[in-house]
Amino acid sequence: MSEAMPTPPLSPAERDGALARLRAWRAALAVAAVAGVATAATVAADTIPGRTDPASTGAAQAPDPSSAQDPQQQFGGGGLQPPFSAPGAGFGRGQAVSGGS
């Protein structure tokens, strides 16, 4: 069984060239990643259901006061009240029940 011969060390010029190529590849990869994320975000933003204005910037907008409903109309005229029931109607008085078989 033969052992692999160790590679000779790089000269300083070779090492500097290799590091320069590594930096260039790293920068290119970072630019490509940013472009990919930007493209994915743009596609996702354009496919959100209910979006009506493609020129909108996504900033929050104040609600239109003319489209707000009157609370009387929105909740059936009486605000947030339970429906009317005659006395004795419904489930009657509560009764405590213990477990058992």
Protein backbone atom coordinates (compact mmCIF):
# COMPACT_ATOMS: atom_id res chain seq x y z
CA MET A 1 0.00 0.00 0.00
CA SER A 2 1.52 3.30 -1.03
CA GLU A 3 0.94 6.50 0.81
CA ALA A 4 0.01 9.69 -1.01
CA MET A 5 2.84 12.09 -1.34
CA PRO A 6 2.16 15.43 0.32
CA THR A 7 1.78 18.31 -2.08
CA PRO A 8 4.58 20.82 -2.02
CA PRO A 9 3.73 24.16 -0.41
CA LEU A 10 2.61 26.96 -2.70
CA SER A 11 4.90 29.81 -3.42
CA PRO A 12 3.78 33.23 -2.12
CA ALA A 13 2.82 34.33 -5.65
CA GLU A 14 0.74 31.17 -6.23
CA ARG A 15 -0.93 31.58 -2.84
CA ASP A 16 -1.78 35.23 -3.55
CA GLY A 17 -3.25 34.28 -6.93
CA ALA A 18 -5.36 31.52 -5.37
CA LEU A 19 -6.65 33.88 -2.67
CA ALA A 20 -7.52 36.50 -5.31
CA ARG A 21 -9.53 33.91 -7.28
CA LEU A 22 -11.25 32.80 -4.09
CA ARG A 23 -12.24 36.39 -3.26
CA ALA A 24 -13.54 36.92 -6.80
CA TRP A 25 -15.67 33.77 -6.64
CA ARG A 26 -16.97 34.75 -3.21
CA ALA A 27 -17.98 38.22 -4.45
CA ALA A 28 -19.67 36.74 -7.54
CA LEU A 29 -21.56 34.26 -5.39
CA ALA A 30 -22.74 37.03 -3.05
CA VAL A 31 -24.00 39.14 -5.97
CA ALA A 32 -25.81 36.13 -7.45
CA ALA A 33 -27.42 35.34 -4.08
CA VAL A 34 -28.66 38.92 -3.66
CA ALA A 35 -30.08 38.90 -7.18
CA GLY A 36 -31.82 35.58 -6.51
CA VAL A 37 -33.39 36.81 -3.28
CA ALA A 38 -34.51 40.04 -4.96
CA THR A 39 -36.09 38.10 -7.81
CA ALA A 40 -37.88 35.74 -5.44
CA ALA A 41 -39.18 38.67 -3.37
CA THR A 42 -40.45 40.46 -6.48
CA VAL A 43 -42.24 37.34 -7.75
CA ALA A 44 -43.76 36.70 -4.32
CA ALA A 45 -44.94 40.30 -4.01
CA ASP A 46 -46.54 40.21 -7.46
CA THR A 47 -48.44 37.00 -6.73
CA ILE A 48 -50.02 38.01 -3.40
CA PRO A 49 -53.81 37.64 -3.76
CA GLY A 50 -55.82 40.84 -3.43
CA ARG A 51 -53.08 43.17 -4.56
CA THR A 52 -54.71 45.69 -6.89
CA ASP A 53 -52.09 48.36 -7.53
CA PRO A 54 -48.81 47.02 -8.94
CA ALA A 55 -47.23 50.47 -8.54
CA SER A 56 -47.83 50.53 -4.79
CA THR A 57 -44.76 50.62 -2.60
CA GLY A 58 -46.21 48.50 0.18
CA ALA A 59 -46.48 51.43 2.57
CA ALA A 60 -49.37 51.37 4.99
CA GLN A 61 -52.31 53.50 3.92
CA ALA A 62 -55.00 55.06 6.07
CA PRO A 63 -58.45 53.45 5.67
CA ASP A 64 -60.97 55.32 3.58
CA PRO A 65 -63.55 56.82 6.00
CA SER A 66 -66.26 56.72 3.31
CA SER A 67 -66.08 52.92 3.18
CA ALA A 68 -66.47 52.39 6.94
CA GLN A 69 -69.81 50.91 7.97
CA ASP A 70 -72.01 52.36 10.64
CA PRO A 71 -71.69 50.19 13.81
CA GLN A 72 -75.49 50.04 14.08
CA GLN A 73 -75.66 48.58 10.58
CA GLN A 74 -72.58 46.38 10.97
CA PHE A 75 -73.77 44.58 14.14
CA GLY A 76 -77.47 44.25 13.41
CA GLY A 77 -78.75 47.57 14.75
CA GLY A 78 -78.31 46.95 18.47
CA GLY A 79 -74.59 46.94 18.88
CA LEU A 80 -73.05 43.84 20.46
CA GLN A 81 -76.03 42.43 22.35
CA PRO A 82 -77.13 38.82 22.57
CA PRO A 83 -80.37 37.88 20.81
CA PHE A 84 -83.58 38.35 22.80
CA SER A 85 -84.94 35.28 24.55
CA ALA A 86 -88.04 35.04 26.70
CA PRO A 87 -87.64 34.23 30.41
CA GLY A 88 -87.42 30.50 30.95
CA ALA A 89 -86.30 29.88 27.41
CA GLY A 90 -82.93 28.39 26.68
CA PHE A 91 -81.27 25.85 28.93
CA GLY A 92 -82.82 26.80 32.26
CA ARG A 93 -80.93 26.97 35.55
CA GLY A 94 -77.52 25.48 35.82
CA GLN A 95 -77.13 22.26 37.77
CA ALA A 96 -73.96 20.92 39.34
CA VAL A 97 -73.14 17.41 38.24
CA SER A 98 -70.41 15.23 39.66
CA GLY A 99 -68.64 12.53 37.75
CA GLY A 100 -69.40 8.92 38.37
CA SER A 101 -70.55 5.79 36.70
